[in-house]
PDB file of N, CA and C in Angstrom:
ATOM      1  N   MET A   1     126.814  99.042 105.362  1.00  0.00           N
ATOM      2  CA  MET A   1     126.740 100.381 104.924  1.00  0.00           C
ATOM      3  C   MET A   1     124.861 100.777 104.754  1.00  0.00           C
ATOM      4  N   ALA A   2     124.265 100.140 103.884  1.00  0.00           N
ATOM      5  CA  ALA A   2     123.101  99.776 103.203  1.00  0.00           C
ATOM      6  C   ALA A   2     122.471 100.002 104.655  1.00  0.00           C
ATOM      7  N   ASP A   3     122.233  99.643 105.525  1.00  0.00           N
ATOM      8  CA  ASP A   3     121.519  99.270 106.581  1.00  0.00           C
ATOM      9  C   ASP A   3     121.717 100.671 107.375  1.00  0.00           C
ATOM     10  N   LYS A   4     122.609 101.201 107.234  1.00  0.00           N
ATOM     11  CA  LYS A   4     122.955 102.672 107.593  1.00  0.00           C
ATOM     12  C   LYS A   4     121.776 103.644 107.050  1.00  0.00           C
ATOM     13  N   ILE A   5     122.387 103.569 105.834  1.00  0.00           N
ATOM     14  CA  ILE A   5     121.648 104.491 104.556  1.00  0.00           C
ATOM     15  C   ILE A   5     120.355 104.343 104.954  1.00  0.00           C
ATOM     16  N   ALA A   6     119.715 103.172 105.041  1.00  0.00           N
ATOM     17  CA  ALA A   6     118.177 103.049 105.516  1.00  0.00           C
ATOM     18  C   ALA A   6     117.806 103.650 106.812  1.00  0.00           C
ATOM     19  N   ALA A   7     118.506 103.413 107.430  1.00  0.00           N
ATOM     20  CA  ALA A   7     118.186 104.032 109.370  1.00  0.00           C
ATOM     21  C   ALA A   7     118.151 105.503 108.783  1.00  0.00           C
ATOM     22  N   VAL A   8     119.222 105.908 108.321  1.00  0.00           N
ATOM     23  CA  VAL A   8     119.119 107.464 108.445  1.00  0.00           C
ATOM     24  C   VAL A   8     118.390 108.405 107.477  1.00  0.00           C
ATOM     25  N   ILE A   9     117.939 107.497 106.685  1.00  0.00           N
ATOM     26  CA  ILE A   9     116.664 107.627 105.396  1.00  0.00           C
ATOM     27  C   ILE A   9     114.935 107.741 106.465  1.00  0.00           C
ATOM     28  N   LEU A  10     115.214 106.689 107.330  1.00  0.00           N
ATOM     29  CA  LEU A  10     114.043 106.518 108.395  1.00  0.00           C
ATOM     30  C   LEU A  10     113.562 107.561 109.353  1.00  0.00           C
ATOM     31  N   PHE A  11     115.359 107.634 109.742  1.00  0.00           N
ATOM     32  CA  PHE A  11     115.130 108.824 110.848  1.00  0.00           C
ATOM     33  C   PHE A  11     114.810 110.179 110.467  1.00  0.00           C
ATOM     34  N   ILE A  12     115.039 110.669 109.475  1.00  0.00           N
ATOM     35  CA  ILE A  12     115.026 111.516 108.531  1.00  0.00           C
ATOM     36  C   ILE A  12     113.400 112.135 108.056  1.00  0.00           C
ATOM     37  N   VAL A  13     112.910 111.013 107.911  1.00  0.00           N
ATOM     38  CA  VAL A  13     111.338 110.780 107.548  1.00  0.00           C
ATOM     39  C   VAL A  13     110.667 111.040 108.446  1.00  0.00           C
ATOM     40  N   GLY A  14     111.043 110.216 109.584  1.00  0.00           N
ATOM     41  CA  GLY A  14     110.480 110.092 111.122  1.00  0.00           C
ATOM     42  C   GLY A  14     110.365 111.559 111.328  1.00  0.00           C
ATOM     43  N   THR A  15     111.384 112.256 111.564  1.00  0.00           N
ATOM     44  CA  THR A  15     111.353 113.604 112.001  1.00  0.00           C
ATOM     45  C   THR A  15     110.542 114.500 111.241  1.00  0.00           C
ATOM     46  N   ILE A  16     110.632 114.524 109.876  1.00  0.00           N
ATOM     47  CA  ILE A  16     109.711 115.492 108.795  1.00  0.00           C
ATOM     48  C   ILE A  16     108.155 114.764 109.480  1.00  0.00           C
ATOM     49  N   ASN A  17     108.126 113.998 110.071  1.00  0.00           N
ATOM     50  CA  ASN A  17     106.484 113.531 110.442  1.00  0.00           C
ATOM     51  C   ASN A  17     106.707 114.106 111.738  1.00  0.00           C
ATOM     52  N   LEU A  18     107.258 114.389 112.687  1.00  0.00           N
ATOM     53  CA  LEU A  18     106.849 114.675 113.956  1.00  0.00           C
ATOM     54  C   LEU A  18     106.420 116.305 113.883  1.00  0.00           C
ATOM     55  N   LEU A  19     106.893 116.809 112.947  1.00  0.00           N
ATOM     56  CA  LEU A  19     106.970 118.347 112.979  1.00  0.00           C
ATOM     57  C   LEU A  19     105.555 119.150 112.985  1.00  0.00           C
ATOM     58  N   PRO A  20     104.726 118.649 112.088  1.00  0.00           N
ATOM     59  CA  PRO A  20     103.210 118.966 112.678  1.00  0.00           C
ATOM     60  C   PRO A  20     102.953 118.764 114.333  1.00  0.00           C
ATOM     61  N   VAL A  21     103.258 117.779 114.926  1.00  0.00           N
ATOM     62  CA  VAL A  21     103.034 117.496 116.276  1.00  0.00           C
ATOM     63  C   VAL A  21     102.501 118.978 117.137  1.00  0.00           C
ATOM     64  N   ILE A  22     103.810 120.094 116.797  1.00  0.00           N
ATOM     65  CA  ILE A  22     103.347 121.117 117.639  1.00  0.00           C
ATOM     66  C   ILE A  22     101.680 122.112 117.366  1.00  0.00           C
ATOM     67  N   VAL A  23     101.543 121.678 116.203  1.00  0.00           N
ATOM     68  CA  VAL A  23      99.600 121.859 116.276  1.00  0.00           C
ATOM     69  C   VAL A  23      99.100 121.766 117.497  1.00  0.00           C
ATOM     70  N   PHE A  24      99.303 120.351 117.685  1.00  0.00           N
ATOM     71  CA  PHE A  24      98.798 119.838 119.009  1.00  0.00           C
ATOM     72  C   PHE A  24      98.693 120.628 120.403  1.00  0.00           C
ATOM     73  N   PHE A  25      99.807 121.222 120.509  1.00  0.00           N
ATOM     74  CA  PHE A  25     100.445 121.901 121.585  1.00  0.00           C
ATOM     75  C   PHE A  25      99.942 123.616 121.107  1.00  0.00           C
ATOM     76  N   ASP A  26      99.884 123.910 120.068  1.00  0.00           N
ATOM     77  CA  ASP A  26      99.444 125.684 119.877  1.00  0.00           C
ATOM     78  C   ASP A  26      99.065 125.016 118.323  1.00  0.00           C
ATOM     79  N   ALA A  27      97.497 125.222 118.228  1.00  0.00           N
ATOM     80  CA  ALA A  27      97.011 124.996 117.245  1.00  0.00           C
ATOM     81  C   ALA A  27      96.625 126.581 115.937  1.00  0.00           C
ATOM     82  N   THR A  28      97.277 127.493 116.463  1.00  0.00           N
ATOM     83  CA  THR A  28      97.508 128.517 116.050  1.00  0.00           C
ATOM     84  C   THR A  28      98.818 128.213 114.417  1.00  0.00           C
ATOM     85  N   LYS A  29      99.429 127.159 114.847  1.00  0.00           N
ATOM     86  CA  LYS A  29     100.744 126.782 113.686  1.00  0.00           C
ATOM     87  C   LYS A  29      99.953 126.676 112.813  1.00  0.00           C
ATOM     88  N   THR A  30      98.753 126.326 112.657  1.00  0.00           N
ATOM     89  CA  THR A  30      98.483 125.639 111.502  1.00  0.00           C
ATOM     90  C   THR A  30      98.483 126.626 110.345  1.00  0.00           C
ATOM     91  N   VAL A  31      98.224 128.625 110.620  1.00  0.00           N
ATOM     92  CA  VAL A  31      98.613 129.038 109.657  1.00  0.00           C
ATOM     93  C   VAL A  31     100.173 129.068 109.319  1.00  0.00           C
ATOM     94  N   LYS A  32     101.154 128.814 110.096  1.00  0.00           N
ATOM     95  CA  LYS A  32     102.677 128.541 109.296  1.00  0.00           C
ATOM     96  C   LYS A  32     102.665 127.514 108.514  1.00  0.00           C
ATOM     97  N   LEU A  33     101.776 126.110 109.175  1.00  0.00           N
ATOM     98  CA  LEU A  33     102.364 125.011 108.759  1.00  0.00           C
ATOM     99  C   LEU A  33     101.533 124.484 107.489  1.00  0.00           C
ATOM    100  N   TYR A  34     100.337 125.400 106.970  1.00  0.00           N
ATOM    101  CA  TYR A  34      99.453 124.986 106.135  1.00  0.00           C
ATOM    102  C   TYR A  34      98.766 126.120 105.531  1.00  0.00           C
ATOM    103  N   GLY A  35      98.870 127.581 106.035  1.00  0.00           N
ATOM    104  CA  GLY A  35      98.303 128.602 105.819  1.00  0.00           C
ATOM    105  C   GLY A  35      96.828 129.119 105.761  1.00  0.00           C
ATOM    106  N   LEU A  36      96.441 128.217 107.049  1.00  0.00           N
ATOM    107  CA  LEU A  36      95.133 128.588 107.061  1.00  0.00           C
ATOM    108  C   LEU A  36      94.567 128.308 108.957  1.00  0.00           C
ATOM    109  N   PRO A  37      94.025 129.597 109.047  1.00  0.00           N
ATOM    110  CA  PRO A  37      93.865 129.462 110.403  1.00  0.00           C
ATOM    111  C   PRO A  37      92.509 128.498 110.768  1.00  0.00           C
ATOM    112  N   ILE A  38      92.951 127.929 111.686  1.00  0.00           N
ATOM    113  CA  ILE A  38      91.457 126.837 112.542  1.00  0.00           C
ATOM    114  C   ILE A  38      90.481 128.009 113.017  1.00  0.00           C
ATOM    115  N   GLU A  39      89.311 127.429 112.134  1.00  0.00           N
ATOM    116  CA  GLU A  39      88.290 128.361 112.858  1.00  0.00           C
ATOM    117  C   GLU A  39      87.209 127.311 113.430  1.00  0.00           C
ATOM    118  N   GLY A  40      86.931 127.436 114.439  1.00  0.00           N
ATOM    119  CA  GLY A  40      85.634 126.528 114.886  1.00  0.00           C
ATOM    120  C   GLY A  40      86.847 125.730 115.880  1.00  0.00           C
ATOM    121  N   GLU A  41      85.941 125.412 117.009  1.00  0.00           N
ATOM    122  CA  GLU A  41      86.520 123.916 117.931  1.00  0.00           C
ATOM    123  C   GLU A  41      86.527 122.674 117.232  1.00  0.00           C
ATOM    124  N   SER A  42      85.445 122.385 116.128  1.00  0.00           N
ATOM    125  CA  SER A  42      85.293 121.062 115.798  1.00  0.00           C
ATOM    126  C   SER A  42      86.905 120.767 115.039  1.00  0.00           C
ATOM    127  N   LEU A  43      87.025 121.599 113.880  1.00  0.00           N
ATOM    128  CA  LEU A  43      88.309 121.741 112.880  1.00  0.00           C
ATOM    129  C   LEU A  43      89.283 122.009 114.024  1.00  0.00           C
ATOM    130  N   MET A  44      89.436 122.688 115.004  1.00  0.00           N
ATOM    131  CA  MET A  44      90.419 122.274 115.677  1.00  0.00           C
ATOM    132  C   MET A  44      90.566 120.709 116.993  1.00  0.00           C
ATOM    133  N   ILE A  45      89.766 120.368 117.138  1.00  0.00           N
ATOM    134  CA  ILE A  45      89.779 118.740 117.443  1.00  0.00           C
ATOM    135  C   ILE A  45      90.950 117.948 116.761  1.00  0.00           C
ATOM    136  N   LEU A  46      90.190 118.459 115.209  1.00  0.00           N
ATOM    137  CA  LEU A  46      90.732 117.182 113.599  1.00  0.00           C
ATOM    138  C   LEU A  46      91.889 117.730 113.446  1.00  0.00           C
ATOM    139  N   MET A  47      92.332 119.130 113.277  1.00  0.00           N
ATOM    140  CA  MET A  47      93.488 119.178 113.139  1.00  0.00           C
ATOM    141  C   MET A  47      94.560 118.826 114.458  1.00  0.00           C
ATOM    142  N   ARG A  48      94.272 119.050 115.536  1.00  0.00           N
ATOM    143  CA  ARG A  48      95.305 118.407 116.623  1.00  0.00           C
ATOM    144  C   ARG A  48      95.525 116.917 116.583  1.00  0.00           C
ATOM    145  N   HIS A  49      94.042 116.219 116.441  1.00  0.00           N
ATOM    146  CA  HIS A  49      94.359 114.723 116.222  1.00  0.00           C
ATOM    147  C   HIS A  49      95.059 114.477 114.996  1.00  0.00           C
ATOM    148  N   ARG A  50      94.950 115.042 114.291  1.00  0.00           N
ATOM    149  CA  ARG A  50      95.753 114.935 113.054  1.00  0.00           C
ATOM    150  C   ARG A  50      97.410 114.863 113.423  1.00  0.00           C
ATOM    151  N   ALA A  51      97.509 115.971 114.086  1.00  0.00           N
ATOM    152  CA  ALA A  51      99.016 116.207 114.255  1.00  0.00           C
ATOM    153  C   ALA A  51      99.709 114.775 115.398  1.00  0.00           C
ATOM    154  N   VAL A  52      98.513 114.188 116.312  1.00  0.00           N
ATOM    155  CA  VAL A  52      99.000 113.265 116.873  1.00  0.00           C
ATOM    156  C   VAL A  52      99.505 112.007 116.103  1.00  0.00           C
ATOM    157  N   LEU A  53      98.131 111.730 115.181  1.00  0.00           N
ATOM    158  CA  LEU A  53      98.396 110.649 114.126  1.00  0.00           C
ATOM    159  C   LEU A  53      99.634 110.872 113.122  1.00  0.00           C
ATOM    160  N   LEU A  54     100.319 111.805 113.409  1.00  0.00           N
ATOM    161  CA  LEU A  54     101.752 111.903 111.832  1.00  0.00           C
ATOM    162  C   LEU A  54     102.775 112.102 113.285  1.00  0.00           C
ATOM    163  N   GLY A  55     102.449 112.611 114.274  1.00  0.00           N
ATOM    164  CA  GLY A  55     103.495 111.924 115.320  1.00  0.00           C
ATOM    165  C   GLY A  55     103.851 110.578 115.452  1.00  0.00           C
ATOM    166  N   LEU A  56     102.558 109.951 115.536  1.00  0.00           N
ATOM    167  CA  LEU A  56     102.865 108.189 115.871  1.00  0.00           C
ATOM    168  C   LEU A  56     103.664 107.848 114.543  1.00  0.00           C
ATOM    169  N   VAL A  57     103.129 108.045 113.279  1.00  0.00           N
ATOM    170  CA  VAL A  57     103.741 107.215 111.913  1.00  0.00           C
ATOM    171  C   VAL A  57     105.162 108.072 112.418  1.00  0.00           C
ATOM    172  N   GLY A  58     105.690 109.444 112.801  1.00  0.00           N
ATOM    173  CA  GLY A  58     107.117 109.692 112.708  1.00  0.00           C
ATOM    174  C   GLY A  58     107.596 108.632 114.057  1.00  0.00           C
ATOM    175  N   LEU A  59     106.948 108.686 114.769  1.00  0.00           N
ATOM    176  CA  LEU A  59     108.048 107.668 116.228  1.00  0.00           C
ATOM    177  C   LEU A  59     107.553 106.631 115.428  1.00  0.00           C
ATOM    178  N   ALA A  60     107.047 105.804 114.495  1.00  0.00           N
ATOM    179  CA  ALA A  60     107.417 104.402 114.321  1.00  0.00           C
ATOM    180  C   ALA A  60     108.518 104.150 113.140  1.00  0.00           C
ATOM    181  N   LEU A  61     108.671 105.113 112.398  1.00  0.00           N
ATOM    182  CA  LEU A  61     109.887 105.788 111.471  1.00  0.00           C
ATOM    183  C   LEU A  61     111.240 105.441 112.567  1.00  0.00           C
ATOM    184  N   ILE A  62     110.963 106.651 113.107  1.00  0.00           N
ATOM    185  CA  ILE A  62     112.185 106.838 113.967  1.00  0.00           C
ATOM    186  C   ILE A  62     112.774 105.038 114.743  1.00  0.00           C
ATOM    187  N   ALA A  63     111.545 104.657 115.080  1.00  0.00           N
ATOM    188  CA  ALA A  63     111.917 103.097 116.532  1.00  0.00           C
ATOM    189  C   ALA A  63     112.189 102.367 115.355  1.00  0.00           C
ATOM    190  N   SER A  64     112.050 102.142 113.601  1.00  0.00           N
ATOM    191  CA  SER A  64     112.392 101.128 112.469  1.00  0.00           C
ATOM    192  C   SER A  64     113.943 101.531 111.832  1.00  0.00           C
ATOM    193  N   ALA A  65     113.939 102.552 112.225  1.00  0.00           N
ATOM    194  CA  ALA A  65     115.736 103.168 112.291  1.00  0.00           C
ATOM    195  C   ALA A  65     116.013 102.178 113.085  1.00  0.00           C
ATOM    196  N   VAL A  66     115.745 102.045 114.014  1.00  0.00           N
ATOM    197  CA  VAL A  66     117.023 101.146 115.328  1.00  0.00           C
ATOM    198  C   VAL A  66     116.609 100.176 115.442  1.00  0.00           C
ATOM    199  N   LYS A  67     115.383  99.565 114.717  1.00  0.00           N
ATOM    200  CA  LYS A  67     114.842  97.905 115.113  1.00  0.00           C
ATOM    201  C   LYS A  67     113.960  97.685 113.980  1.00  0.00           C
ATOM    202  N   PRO A  68     115.048  96.947 112.819  1.00  0.00           N
ATOM    203  CA  PRO A  68     115.154  96.606 111.340  1.00  0.00           C
ATOM    204  C   PRO A  68     113.776  96.152 111.383  1.00  0.00           C
ATOM    205  N   GLU A  69     113.111  95.118 112.168  1.00  0.00           N
ATOM    206  CA  GLU A  69     112.181  94.240 112.125  1.00  0.00           C
ATOM    207  C   GLU A  69     110.839  95.003 112.180  1.00  0.00           C
ATOM    208  N   PHE A  70     110.527  96.412 112.728  1.00  0.00           N
ATOM    209  CA  PHE A  70     109.624  97.384 112.520  1.00  0.00           C
ATOM    210  C   PHE A  70     109.291  97.777 110.920  1.00  0.00           C
ATOM    211  N   ARG A  71     110.420  97.961 110.181  1.00  0.00           N
ATOM    212  CA  ARG A  71     110.483  98.741 109.360  1.00  0.00           C
ATOM    213  C   ARG A  71     109.354  98.386 108.264  1.00  0.00           C
ATOM    214  N   ILE A  72     109.110  97.509 107.936  1.00  0.00           N
ATOM    215  CA  ILE A  72     107.923  96.881 106.622  1.00  0.00           C
ATOM    216  C   ILE A  72     106.564  97.701 107.178  1.00  0.00           C
ATOM    217  N   LEU A  73     106.520  97.774 108.399  1.00  0.00           N
ATOM    218  CA  LEU A  73     105.277  97.977 109.233  1.00  0.00           C
ATOM    219  C   LEU A  73     105.463  99.589 109.067  1.00  0.00           C
ATOM    220  N   ALA A  74     106.487 100.199 109.710  1.00  0.00           N
ATOM    221  CA  ALA A  74     106.304 101.462 109.799  1.00  0.00           C
ATOM    222  C   ALA A  74     106.477 102.149 108.446  1.00  0.00           C
ATOM    223  N   ILE A  75     106.751 101.566 107.539  1.00  0.00           N
ATOM    224  CA  ILE A  75     107.137 102.609 106.141  1.00  0.00           C
ATOM    225  C   ILE A  75     105.923 102.256 105.312  1.00  0.00           C
ATOM    226  N   ALA A  76     104.871 100.789 105.424  1.00  0.00           N
ATOM    227  CA  ALA A  76     103.647 100.697 105.165  1.00  0.00           C
ATOM    228  C   ALA A  76     103.002 102.137 105.550  1.00  0.00           C
ATOM    229  N   LEU A  77     103.047 102.324 106.626  1.00  0.00           N
ATOM    230  CA  LEU A  77     102.144 103.108 107.102  1.00  0.00           C
ATOM    231  C   LEU A  77     102.266 104.589 106.830  1.00  0.00           C
ATOM    232  N   ALA A  78     103.263 104.786 107.214  1.00  0.00           N
ATOM    233  CA  ALA A  78     103.572 106.119 106.475  1.00  0.00           C
ATOM    234  C   ALA A  78     103.862 106.023 104.695  1.00  0.00           C
ATOM    235  N   LEU A  79     103.704 104.831 104.188  1.00  0.00           N
ATOM    236  CA  LEU A  79     103.640 105.509 102.847  1.00  0.00           C
ATOM    237  C   LEU A  79     102.113 105.625 102.231  1.00  0.00           C
ATOM    238  N   ILE A  80     101.119 105.112 103.239  1.00  0.00           N
ATOM    239  CA  ILE A  80      99.420 105.258 103.088  1.00  0.00           C
ATOM    240  C   ILE A  80      98.918 106.506 103.414  1.00  0.00           C
ATOM    241  N   SER A  81      99.957 106.991 104.438  1.00  0.00           N
ATOM    242  CA  SER A  81      99.767 108.512 104.630  1.00  0.00           C
ATOM    243  C   SER A  81      99.545 109.349 104.190  1.00  0.00           C
ATOM    244  N   LYS A  82     101.143 109.250 103.197  1.00  0.00           N
ATOM    245  CA  LYS A  82     101.577 110.017 102.239  1.00  0.00           C
ATOM    246  C   LYS A  82     100.978 110.196 101.380  1.00  0.00           C
ATOM    247  N   PHE A  83     100.795 108.909 100.471  1.00  0.00           N
ATOM    248  CA  PHE A  83      99.955 108.920  99.185  1.00  0.00           C
ATOM    249  C   PHE A  83      98.488 109.534  99.176  1.00  0.00           C
ATOM    250  N   ALA A  84      97.869 109.278 100.471  1.00  0.00           N
ATOM    251  CA  ALA A  84      96.504 109.765 101.308  1.00  0.00           C
ATOM    252  C   ALA A  84      96.647 111.078 100.803  1.00  0.00           C
ATOM    253  N   PHE A  85      97.244 112.040 101.590  1.00  0.00           N
ATOM    254  CA  PHE A  85      97.819 113.368 101.635  1.00  0.00           C
ATOM    255  C   PHE A  85      97.994 113.723 100.050  1.00  0.00           C
ATOM    256  N   VAL A  86      98.848 113.280  99.223  1.00  0.00           N
ATOM    257  CA  VAL A  86      98.842 113.878  98.427  1.00  0.00           C
ATOM    258  C   VAL A  86      98.195 113.628  97.309  1.00  0.00           C
ATOM    259  N   PHE A  87      97.472 112.639  97.389  1.00  0.00           N
ATOM    260  CA  PHE A  87      96.124 112.479  96.261  1.00  0.00           C
ATOM    261  C   PHE A  87      95.280 113.076  96.443  1.00  0.00           C
ATOM    262  N   LEU A  88      95.044 113.198  98.060  1.00  0.00           N
ATOM    263  CA  LEU A  88      93.783 114.403  98.514  1.00  0.00           C
ATOM    264  C   LEU A  88      94.073 115.735  97.922  1.00  0.00           C
ATOM    265  N   THR A  89      95.114 116.036  98.151  1.00  0.00           N
ATOM    266  CA  THR A  89      95.908 117.489  97.581  1.00  0.00           C
ATOM    267  C   THR A  89      95.311 117.813  96.372  1.00  0.00           C
ATOM    268  N   PHE A  90      96.475 117.108  95.356  1.00  0.00           N
ATOM    269  CA  PHE A  90      96.274 117.329  93.888  1.00  0.00           C
ATOM    270  C   PHE A  90      95.149 116.686  93.136  1.00  0.00           C
ATOM    271  N   THR A  91      94.284 116.395  93.857  1.00  0.00           N
ATOM    272  CA  THR A  91      92.856 116.066  93.041  1.00  0.00           C
ATOM    273  C   THR A  91      91.922 117.422  93.453  1.00  0.00           C
ATOM    274  N   GLN A  92      92.234 118.495  94.162  1.00  0.00           N
ATOM    275  CA  GLN A  92      91.905 119.016  94.121  1.00  0.00           C
ATOM    276  C   GLN A  92      91.978 120.639  93.641  1.00  0.00           C
ATOM    277  N   SER A  93      91.299 121.654  93.917  1.00  0.00           N
ATOM    278  CA  SER A  93      91.985 122.896  93.321  1.00  0.00           C
ATOM    279  C   SER A  93      92.189 123.869  93.754  1.00  0.00           C
ATOM    280  N   ASN A  94      91.388 123.983  94.776  1.00  0.00           N
ATOM    281  CA  ASN A  94      91.795 125.286  96.014  1.00  0.00           C
ATOM    282  C   ASN A  94      92.176 125.074  97.249  1.00  0.00           C
ATOM    283  N   TYR A  95      93.564 124.839  97.028  1.00  0.00           N
ATOM    284  CA  TYR A  95      94.192 124.811  98.601  1.00  0.00           C
ATOM    285  C   TYR A  95      95.076 125.640  98.748  1.00  0.00           C
ATOM    286  N   THR A  96      95.762 126.112  99.822  1.00  0.00           N
ATOM    287  CA  THR A  96      96.880 127.063 100.140  1.00  0.00           C
ATOM    288  C   THR A  96      98.388 126.696  99.637  1.00  0.00           C
ATOM    289  N   ALA A  97      99.031 127.360  99.066  1.00  0.00           N
ATOM    290  CA  ALA A  97     100.645 127.249  98.687  1.00  0.00           C
ATOM    291  C   ALA A  97     101.502 126.091  99.480  1.00  0.00           C
ATOM    292  N   GLU A  98     101.056 126.528 100.854  1.00  0.00           N
ATOM    293  CA  GLU A  98     101.718 125.782 102.133  1.00  0.00           C
ATOM    294  C   GLU A  98     101.025 124.368 102.139  1.00  0.00           C
ATOM    295  N   VAL A  99      99.991 124.419 101.923  1.00  0.00           N
ATOM    296  CA  VAL A  99      99.535 122.609 101.391  1.00  0.00           C
ATOM    297  C   VAL A  99     100.449 122.402 100.549  1.00  0.00           C
ATOM    298  N   ARG A 100     100.115 122.497  99.116  1.00  0.00           N
ATOM    299  CA  ARG A 100     100.998 122.236  98.346  1.00  0.00           C
ATOM    300  C   ARG A 100     102.417 122.040  98.413  1.00  0.00           C
ATOM    301  N   GLN A 101     102.866 122.695  99.328  1.00  0.00           N
ATOM    302  CA  GLN A 101     104.596 122.295  99.479  1.00  0.00           C
ATOM    303  C   GLN A 101     104.505 121.573 100.475  1.00  0.00           C
ATOM    304  N   VAL A 102     103.227 121.140 101.668  1.00  0.00           N
ATOM    305  CA  VAL A 102     103.655 119.783 102.309  1.00  0.00           C
ATOM    306  C   VAL A 102     103.410 118.506 101.702  1.00  0.00           C
ATOM    307  N   ALA A 103     102.149 118.857 100.644  1.00  0.00           N
ATOM    308  CA  ALA A 103     102.552 117.638  99.552  1.00  0.00           C
ATOM    309  C   ALA A 103     103.494 117.074  99.039  1.00  0.00           C
ATOM    310  N   LEU A 104     104.052 118.560  98.209  1.00  0.00           N
ATOM    311  CA  LEU A 104     105.932 118.212  97.594  1.00  0.00           C
ATOM    312  C   LEU A 104     106.641 117.428  98.515  1.00  0.00           C
ATOM    313  N   ILE A 105     107.030 117.808  99.757  1.00  0.00           N
ATOM    314  CA  ILE A 105     107.344 117.399 100.893  1.00  0.00           C
ATOM    315  C   ILE A 105     107.476 115.727 100.708  1.00  0.00           C
ATOM    316  N   ASP A 106     106.219 115.491 100.953  1.00  0.00           N
ATOM    317  CA  ASP A 106     105.565 114.142 100.970  1.00  0.00           C
ATOM    318  C   ASP A 106     105.877 113.551 100.189  1.00  0.00           C
ATOM    319  N   VAL A 107     105.811 113.958  98.678  1.00  0.00           N
ATOM    320  CA  VAL A 107     106.324 113.295  97.499  1.00  0.00           C
ATOM    321  C   VAL A 107     108.091 113.013  97.579  1.00  0.00           C
ATOM    322  N   GLY A 108     108.427 113.662  98.218  1.00  0.00           N
ATOM    323  CA  GLY A 108     110.267 113.800  98.301  1.00  0.00           C
ATOM    324  C   GLY A 108     110.059 112.754  99.689  1.00  0.00           C
ATOM    325  N   ALA A 109     109.164 112.166 100.363  1.00  0.00           N
ATOM    326  CA  ALA A 109     109.080 111.606 101.599  1.00  0.00           C
ATOM    327  C   ALA A 109     109.099 110.284 101.176  1.00  0.00           C
ATOM    328  N   ILE A 110     108.060 110.102 100.178  1.00  0.00           N
ATOM    329  CA  ILE A 110     107.522 108.675  99.498  1.00  0.00           C
ATOM    330  C   ILE A 110     108.868 108.301  98.514  1.00  0.00           C
ATOM    331  N   VAL A 111     109.540 109.112  97.499  1.00  0.00           N
ATOM    332  CA  VAL A 111     110.610 108.062  97.221  1.00  0.00           C
ATOM    333  C   VAL A 111     111.383 107.958  98.553  1.00  0.00           C
ATOM    334  N   LEU A 112     112.047 108.144  99.270  1.00  0.00           N
ATOM    335  CA  LEU A 112     113.167 108.146 100.339  1.00  0.00           C
ATOM    336  C   LEU A 112     112.000 107.318 101.192  1.00  0.00           C
ATOM    337  N   LEU A 113     111.404 106.745 101.400  1.00  0.00           N
ATOM    338  CA  LEU A 113     110.522 105.659 101.871  1.00  0.00           C
ATOM    339  C   LEU A 113     110.788 104.186 101.129  1.00  0.00           C
ATOM    340  N   ILE A 114     110.502 104.733  99.811  1.00  0.00           N
ATOM    341  CA  ILE A 114     110.623 103.585  98.737  1.00  0.00           C
ATOM    342  C   ILE A 114     111.949 102.887  98.555  1.00  0.00           C
ATOM    343  N   ALA A 115     113.102 104.125  98.627  1.00  0.00           N
ATOM    344  CA  ALA A 115     114.208 103.684  98.646  1.00  0.00           C
ATOM    345  C   ALA A 115     114.991 102.505 100.068  1.00  0.00           C
ATOM    346  N   ALA A 116     114.367 103.472 101.355  1.00  0.00           N
ATOM    347  CA  ALA A 116     114.555 102.142 102.216  1.00  0.00           C
ATOM    348  C   ALA A 116     113.619 100.987 102.141  1.00  0.00           C
ATOM    349  N   LEU A 117     112.528 100.887 101.949  1.00  0.00           N
ATOM    350  CA  LEU A 117     112.263  99.525 101.482  1.00  0.00           C
ATOM    351  C   LEU A 117     112.841  98.953 100.484  1.00  0.00           C
ATOM    352  N   ILE A 118     113.136  99.138  99.591  1.00  0.00           N
ATOM    353  CA  ILE A 118     114.181  98.755  98.827  1.00  0.00           C
ATOM    354  C   ILE A 118     115.442  98.176  99.429  1.00  0.00           C
ATOM    355  N   ILE A 119     116.190  99.011 100.086  1.00  0.00           N
ATOM    356  CA  ILE A 119     117.697  98.811 100.912  1.00  0.00           C
ATOM    357  C   ILE A 119     117.005  97.865 101.619  1.00  0.00           C
ATOM    358  N   HIS A 120     115.958  97.662 102.949  1.00  0.00           N
ATOM    359  CA  HIS A 120     115.743  96.692 103.529  1.00  0.00           C
ATOM    360  C   HIS A 120     115.274  95.418 102.718  1.00  0.00           C
ATOM    361  N   PHE A 121     114.649  95.130 101.974  1.00  0.00           N
ATOM    362  CA  PHE A 121     114.796  93.796 100.920  1.00  0.00           C
ATOM    363  C   PHE A 121     116.036  93.210 100.569  1.00  0.00           C
ATOM    364  N   TRP A 122     116.686  94.241  99.626  1.00  0.00           N
ATOM    365  CA  TRP A 122     118.233  94.151  99.334  1.00  0.00           C
ATOM    366  C   TRP A 122     118.790  92.785 100.435  1.00  0.00           C
ATOM    367  N   ARG A 123     119.175  94.384 101.673  1.00  0.00           N
ATOM    368  CA  ARG A 123     119.815  93.654 102.950  1.00  0.00           C
ATOM    369  C   ARG A 123     119.071  92.551 103.203  1.00  0.00           C
ATOM    370  N   THR A 124     117.699  92.282 103.484  1.00  0.00           N
ATOM    371  CA  THR A 124     117.522  91.105 103.976  1.00  0.00           C
ATOM    372  C   THR A 124     117.174  89.672 102.927  1.00  0.00           C
ATOM    373  N   GLY A 125     117.951  90.336 101.819  1.00  0.00           N
ATOM    374  CA  GLY A 125     117.500  89.103 100.919  1.00  0.00           C
ATOM    375  C   GLY A 125     116.050  88.441 100.228  1.00  0.00           C
ATOM    376  N   THR A 126     115.363  89.008 101.158  1.00  0.00           N
ATOM    377  CA  THR A 126     113.396  89.120 100.710  1.00  0.00           C
ATOM    378  C   THR A 126     113.599  89.193  99.211  1.00  0.00           C
ATOM    379  N   LYS A 127     112.476  88.684  98.642  1.00  0.00           N
ATOM    380  CA  LYS A 127     112.076  89.300  97.184  1.00  0.00           C
ATOM    381  C   LYS A 127     110.681  89.641  97.741  1.00  0.00           C
ATOM    382  N   PHE A 128     110.885  90.639  96.404  1.00  0.00           N
ATOM    383  CA  PHE A 128     109.207  91.418  96.339  1.00  0.00           C
ATOM    384  C   PHE A 128     108.218  90.727  96.195  1.00  0.00           C
TER     385      PHE A 128
END
């Protein structure tokens, strides 16, 4: 049962990570997601690339939902990504409400990922 809970958590957080992939296909979606338009080709390239990287982390989390041997690596990648975004956001002062919302979603995802990690270690009998 615990393994299924961890799998559901990883699938949910993985799906959340996949949502920004839409920016790769339609860069104008940054207004809806982050509250800012992309101005300039260089920023467009960076944001579209960011979307791909987030998608890869999301796919890794979803894969780890069905393949427990991938869980530690996938969770570690996601935690690094999410902690970095939260740190960057909350150490600045002039960001949009949408960016704040994304950071708060990431805080919730961090809690879920830590829960999945604890379940994984508990299930496998591995000590921290």
